[in-house]
Amino acid sequence: MQIIKLDATDSTNSYLKNLIMKDLKEDFTVVVARSQNKGRGQMGTNWESEEGKNLTFSVLKNFTAFKIVDQFAINIIVSLAIYDSLEALKIPNIKIKWPNDILSGTQKICGILPENTVKNDLLSSSVIGIGLNVNQINFKVLPKATSLKNITGSDYNIEVILSLILKEMQKGFRALEDNTMARLYREYEAKLFRKDKVSTFRRKNKEVFTGIIRGVKATGAIQIELEDHVFEEFAFKEIELLY
């Protein structure tokens, strides 16, 4: 494993993708930065992070024969790796908010952004960006965000947390190679935020409705039970959970 440490960059995902264009191919190359100027989340959202206070990094994962239809497995592996790492740190009330945010209670502490590369109808690699709020206290732009320090009152060693998450990610990707992903799918569903509870959602056309999260399909689509036991599936950008 190669770990590249930067003082600052626009985005660790962008930096790592630029290295790949220059022929970097070493599996599990990691780029970690003290500061990101243009950190991004899902659907183009911004990621607010004070310099040196949080863990912002990206990981390159190479694949040999990974079908595009199975790419949501990456989200599952990384989400569970972070979940298990935070549980080991005794962070309370951890949940996974579909598709790949990590919450403590109802507040966001971590976001994940996988950017996948396709070659010959197969997934050849993924650059996985992770932003974990660690020692930052104030979040002016993101009122629903919090940090490990806000939750527990303790300061954390960012290097130790990075090492812990990387070890858990490697374990998860071994499960992918060993064809034991079914267990991880069940774990992911069991740890979903608001699963089996009546919740409020907003469609892409701004329509608001209530439903119950019942699970996630292998494609990554979320399955919601509506009135009269009608089930509907939604892809990433088709729906927003309002709580």
Protein backbone atom coordinates (compact mmCIF):
# COMPACT_ATOMS: atom_id res chain seq x y z
CA MET A 1 0.00 0.00 0.00
CA GLN A 2 1.36 3.39 -1.02
CA ILE A 3 0.20 6.41 1.02
CA ILE A 4 0.74 9.88 -0.46
CA LYS A 5 0.36 12.74 2.04
CA LEU A 6 -0.42 16.26 0.88
CA ASP A 7 -0.69 19.56 2.74
CA ALA A 8 -3.37 20.80 0.34
CA THR A 9 -5.10 19.90 -2.92
CA ASP A 10 -8.30 20.80 -4.73
CA SER A 11 -9.67 17.27 -4.23
CA THR A 12 -7.97 14.00 -3.30
CA ASN A 13 -10.16 12.21 -5.87
CA SER A 14 -8.99 14.58 -8.62
CA TYR A 15 -5.36 14.29 -7.53
CA LEU A 16 -5.50 10.48 -7.57
CA LYS A 17 -7.26 10.41 -10.96
CA ASN A 18 -4.51 12.62 -12.38
CA LEU A 19 -1.91 10.15 -11.10
CA ILE A 20 -3.79 7.32 -12.81
CA MET A 21 -3.67 9.22 -16.11
CA LYS A 22 0.12 9.29 -15.69
CA ASP A 23 0.13 5.47 -15.46
CA LEU A 24 -0.19 4.87 -11.72
CA LYS A 25 -1.66 1.38 -11.31
CA GLU A 26 -0.69 0.24 -7.82
CA ASP A 27 -3.72 -1.20 -6.08
CA PHE A 28 -4.79 0.51 -2.85
CA THR A 29 -2.79 3.67 -3.44
CA VAL A 30 -4.01 6.24 -0.90
CA VAL A 31 -3.93 10.04 -1.17
CA VAL A 32 -4.61 11.91 2.07
CA ALA A 33 -4.69 15.71 2.44
CA ARG A 34 -4.70 18.09 5.40
CA SER A 35 -6.81 20.48 3.36
CA GLN A 36 -9.13 20.21 0.32
CA ASN A 37 -10.13 23.35 -1.57
CA LYS A 38 -12.84 21.71 -3.66
CA GLY A 39 -13.91 18.62 -1.73
CA ARG A 40 -17.06 17.10 -3.23
CA GLY A 41 -19.87 14.85 -2.09
CA GLN A 42 -22.57 12.90 -3.89
CA MET A 43 -24.54 14.80 -6.57
CA GLY A 44 -21.99 17.64 -6.67
CA THR A 45 -22.47 18.82 -3.08
CA ASN A 46 -19.56 20.56 -1.32
CA TRP A 47 -17.65 19.14 1.63
CA GLU A 48 -16.73 21.63 4.38
CA SER A 49 -13.47 20.85 6.16
CA GLU A 50 -11.05 22.88 8.30
CA GLU A 51 -7.37 22.33 7.58
CA GLY A 52 -5.82 19.54 9.64
CA LYS A 53 -9.01 18.87 11.60
CA ASN A 54 -10.58 16.08 9.53
CA LEU A 55 -9.71 12.98 7.56
CA THR A 56 -9.99 13.56 3.82
CA PHE A 57 -8.53 10.88 1.58
CA SER A 58 -9.04 8.78 -1.56
CA VAL A 59 -8.21 5.16 -2.32
CA LEU A 60 -7.54 3.50 -5.68
CA LYS A 61 -9.03 0.01 -5.98
CA ASN A 62 -8.29 -2.00 -9.12
CA PHE A 63 -10.47 -4.83 -10.42
CA THR A 64 -9.98 -7.62 -12.94
CA ALA A 65 -13.46 -9.02 -13.70
CA PHE A 66 -16.02 -6.82 -11.95
CA LYS A 67 -19.39 -6.42 -13.67
CA ILE A 68 -20.80 -2.89 -13.90
CA VAL A 69 -24.15 -4.08 -12.56
CA ASP A 70 -22.43 -5.04 -9.28
CA GLN A 71 -20.72 -1.70 -8.66
CA PHE A 72 -22.89 -0.83 -5.64
CA ALA A 73 -20.84 -3.43 -3.77
CA ILE A 74 -18.14 -0.74 -3.51
CA ASN A 75 -20.51 1.55 -1.60
CA ILE A 76 -21.44 -1.31 0.71
CA ILE A 77 -17.85 -2.34 1.44
CA VAL A 78 -16.68 1.20 2.19
CA SER A 79 -19.76 2.16 4.21
CA LEU A 80 -19.39 -0.92 6.40
CA ALA A 81 -15.65 -0.35 6.79
CA ILE A 82 -16.28 3.13 8.16
CA TYR A 83 -19.23 1.93 10.27
CA ASP A 84 -17.10 -0.81 11.87
CA SER A 85 -14.17 1.57 12.43
CA LEU A 86 -16.38 4.11 14.20
CA GLU A 87 -18.00 1.37 16.24
CA ALA A 88 -14.50 0.27 17.34
CA LEU A 89 -13.93 3.88 18.47
CA LYS A 90 -17.18 3.63 20.48
CA ILE A 91 -18.96 6.39 18.53
CA PRO A 92 -22.67 6.05 19.46
CA ASN A 93 -25.78 5.68 17.28
CA ILE A 94 -23.99 4.98 14.00
CA LYS A 95 -26.19 4.43 10.93
CA ILE A 96 -25.67 4.29 7.17
CA LYS A 97 -27.84 6.78 5.27
CA TRP A 98 -28.46 5.46 1.77
CA PRO A 99 -26.57 5.45 -0.43
CA ASN A 100 -23.35 6.16 1.45
CA ASP A 101 -23.40 8.78 4.19
CA ILE A 102 -22.54 7.82 7.75
CA LEU A 103 -24.55 9.39 10.56
CA SER A 104 -24.42 9.58 14.32
CA GLY A 105 -28.04 9.95 15.34
CA THR A 106 -29.40 12.23 12.60
CA GLN A 107 -26.19 14.18 11.96
CA LYS A 108 -23.72 13.46 9.18
CA ILE A 109 -20.14 12.64 10.13
CA CYS A 110 -18.87 11.03 6.94
CA GLY A 111 -19.45 11.10 3.19
CA ILE A 112 -18.25 8.69 0.51
CA LEU A 113 -17.76 9.39 -3.20
CA PRO A 114 -16.77 6.45 -5.44
CA GLU A 115 -15.86 7.39 -9.02
CA ASN A 116 -15.65 4.30 -11.21
CA THR A 117 -13.81 3.63 -14.47
CA VAL A 118 -15.28 1.24 -17.05
CA LYS A 119 -13.22 -0.67 -19.62
CA ASN A 120 -14.53 -3.29 -22.05
CA ASP A 121 -17.92 -3.40 -20.27
CA LEU A 122 -16.26 -4.18 -16.93
CA LEU A 123 -15.38 -2.00 -13.97
CA SER A 124 -11.60 -1.65 -14.13
CA SER A 125 -11.02 0.60 -11.10
CA SER A 126 -12.61 2.89 -8.57
CA VAL A 127 -11.29 6.05 -6.92
CA ILE A 128 -13.06 6.16 -3.56
CA GLY A 129 -13.15 9.53 -1.82
CA ILE A 130 -13.89 9.68 1.91
CA GLY A 131 -14.41 12.70 4.14
CA LEU A 132 -14.73 12.04 7.87
CA ASN A 133 -15.34 14.87 10.34
CA VAL A 134 -12.94 14.23 13.21
CA ASN A 135 -11.80 17.21 15.31
CA GLN A 136 -13.68 20.11 13.68
CA ILE A 137 -16.23 21.75 15.98
CA ASN A 138 -18.13 24.31 13.90
CA PHE A 139 -19.98 23.62 10.64
CA LYS A 140 -21.40 26.90 9.34
CA VAL A 141 -22.26 25.75 5.82
CA LEU A 142 -23.51 22.29 6.76
CA PRO A 143 -25.90 22.58 9.73
CA LYS A 144 -26.70 18.84 9.72
CA ALA A 145 -23.03 17.89 10.06
CA THR A 146 -21.14 16.99 13.23
CA SER A 147 -17.80 15.44 14.16
CA LEU A 148 -16.35 12.76 16.40
CA LYS A 149 -15.11 15.47 18.79
CA ASN A 150 -18.55 17.09 18.97
CA ILE A 151 -20.09 13.73 19.75
CA THR A 152 -17.68 12.49 22.43
CA GLY A 153 -15.78 15.60 23.57
CA SER A 154 -12.47 13.87 22.81
CA ASP A 155 -9.65 14.70 20.40
CA TYR A 156 -8.69 11.98 17.93
CA ASN A 157 -5.48 10.95 16.18
CA ILE A 158 -6.33 11.20 12.49
CA GLU A 159 -3.51 8.85 11.44
CA VAL A 160 -4.83 6.10 13.73
CA ILE A 161 -8.33 6.44 12.29
CA LEU A 162 -6.98 6.31 8.72
CA SER A 163 -5.10 3.09 9.47
CA LEU A 164 -8.20 1.55 11.04
CA ILE A 165 -10.47 2.39 8.08
CA LEU A 166 -7.96 1.14 5.51
CA LYS A 167 -7.65 -2.21 7.29
CA GLU A 168 -11.44 -2.58 7.35
CA MET A 169 -11.68 -1.65 3.66
CA GLN A 170 -9.10 -4.30 2.75
CA LYS A 171 -11.11 -6.89 4.68
CA GLY A 172 -14.25 -5.87 2.81
CA PHE A 173 -12.63 -6.11 -0.63
CA ARG A 174 -11.32 -9.57 0.26
CA ALA A 175 -14.97 -10.55 0.78
CA LEU A 176 -15.66 -9.35 -2.76
CA GLU A 177 -12.82 -11.49 -4.10
CA ASP A 178 -13.96 -14.49 -2.05
CA ASN A 179 -17.57 -14.18 -3.31
CA THR A 180 -18.96 -13.66 0.20
CA MET A 181 -20.71 -10.36 -0.51
CA ALA A 182 -24.18 -11.70 0.40
CA ARG A 183 -23.31 -11.36 4.09
CA LEU A 184 -22.17 -7.76 3.62
CA TYR A 185 -25.40 -6.87 1.76
CA ARG A 186 -27.39 -8.14 4.76
CA GLU A 187 -25.21 -6.16 7.17
CA TYR A 188 -25.59 -2.99 5.10
CA GLU A 189 -29.38 -3.29 5.05
CA ALA A 190 -29.52 -3.98 8.79
CA LYS A 191 -27.58 -0.78 9.51
CA LEU A 192 -29.60 1.52 7.23
CA PHE A 193 -30.88 4.77 8.71
CA ARG A 194 -34.70 4.84 9.01
CA LYS A 195 -35.12 1.25 7.80
CA ASP A 196 -38.61 -0.13 8.55
CA LYS A 197 -39.76 3.28 9.87
CA VAL A 198 -42.28 5.64 8.31
CA SER A 199 -40.23 8.41 6.72
CA THR A 200 -40.70 11.44 4.48
CA PHE A 201 -39.15 11.59 1.00
CA ARG A 202 -38.96 14.05 -1.88
CA ARG A 203 -38.97 12.99 -5.53
CA LYS A 204 -36.92 14.65 -8.23
CA ASN A 205 -40.05 16.59 -9.29
CA LYS A 206 -40.25 18.02 -5.70
CA GLU A 207 -43.27 15.87 -4.75
CA VAL A 208 -43.14 14.94 -1.05
CA PHE A 209 -44.50 11.60 0.15
CA THR A 210 -44.24 9.13 3.02
CA GLY A 211 -43.01 5.56 2.84
CA ILE A 212 -40.96 2.90 4.58
CA ILE A 213 -37.44 1.83 3.56
CA ARG A 214 -37.52 -1.95 3.20
CA GLY A 215 -34.12 -2.64 1.64
CA VAL A 216 -31.60 -1.99 -1.11
CA LYS A 217 -31.34 -3.94 -4.35
CA ALA A 218 -28.05 -5.29 -5.70
CA THR A 219 -28.08 -2.44 -8.23
CA GLY A 220 -28.09 0.09 -5.38
CA ALA A 221 -31.72 1.13 -5.87
CA ILE A 222 -33.56 1.71 -2.61
CA GLN A 223 -36.84 -0.15 -2.13
CA ILE A 224 -39.64 1.82 -0.46
CA GLU A 225 -43.04 0.56 0.59
CA LEU A 226 -45.82 3.04 -0.16
CA GLU A 227 -49.51 2.92 0.75
CA ASP A 228 -51.47 -0.29 0.16
CA HIS A 229 -48.27 -2.37 0.23
CA VAL A 230 -47.09 -0.96 -3.09
CA PHE A 231 -43.31 -1.12 -3.53
CA GLU A 232 -41.27 1.30 -5.59
CA GLU A 233 -37.54 1.42 -6.35
CA PHE A 234 -35.48 4.59 -6.70
CA ALA A 235 -31.95 5.20 -8.01
CA PHE A 236 -29.49 7.63 -6.37
CA LYS A 237 -30.68 10.91 -7.88
CA GLU A 238 -34.39 10.11 -8.00
CA ILE A 239 -35.23 10.61 -4.35
CA GLU A 240 -34.15 12.44 -1.19
CA LEU A 241 -34.81 11.28 2.37
CA LEU A 242 -36.12 14.19 4.44
CA TYR A 243 -36.42 12.14 7.69
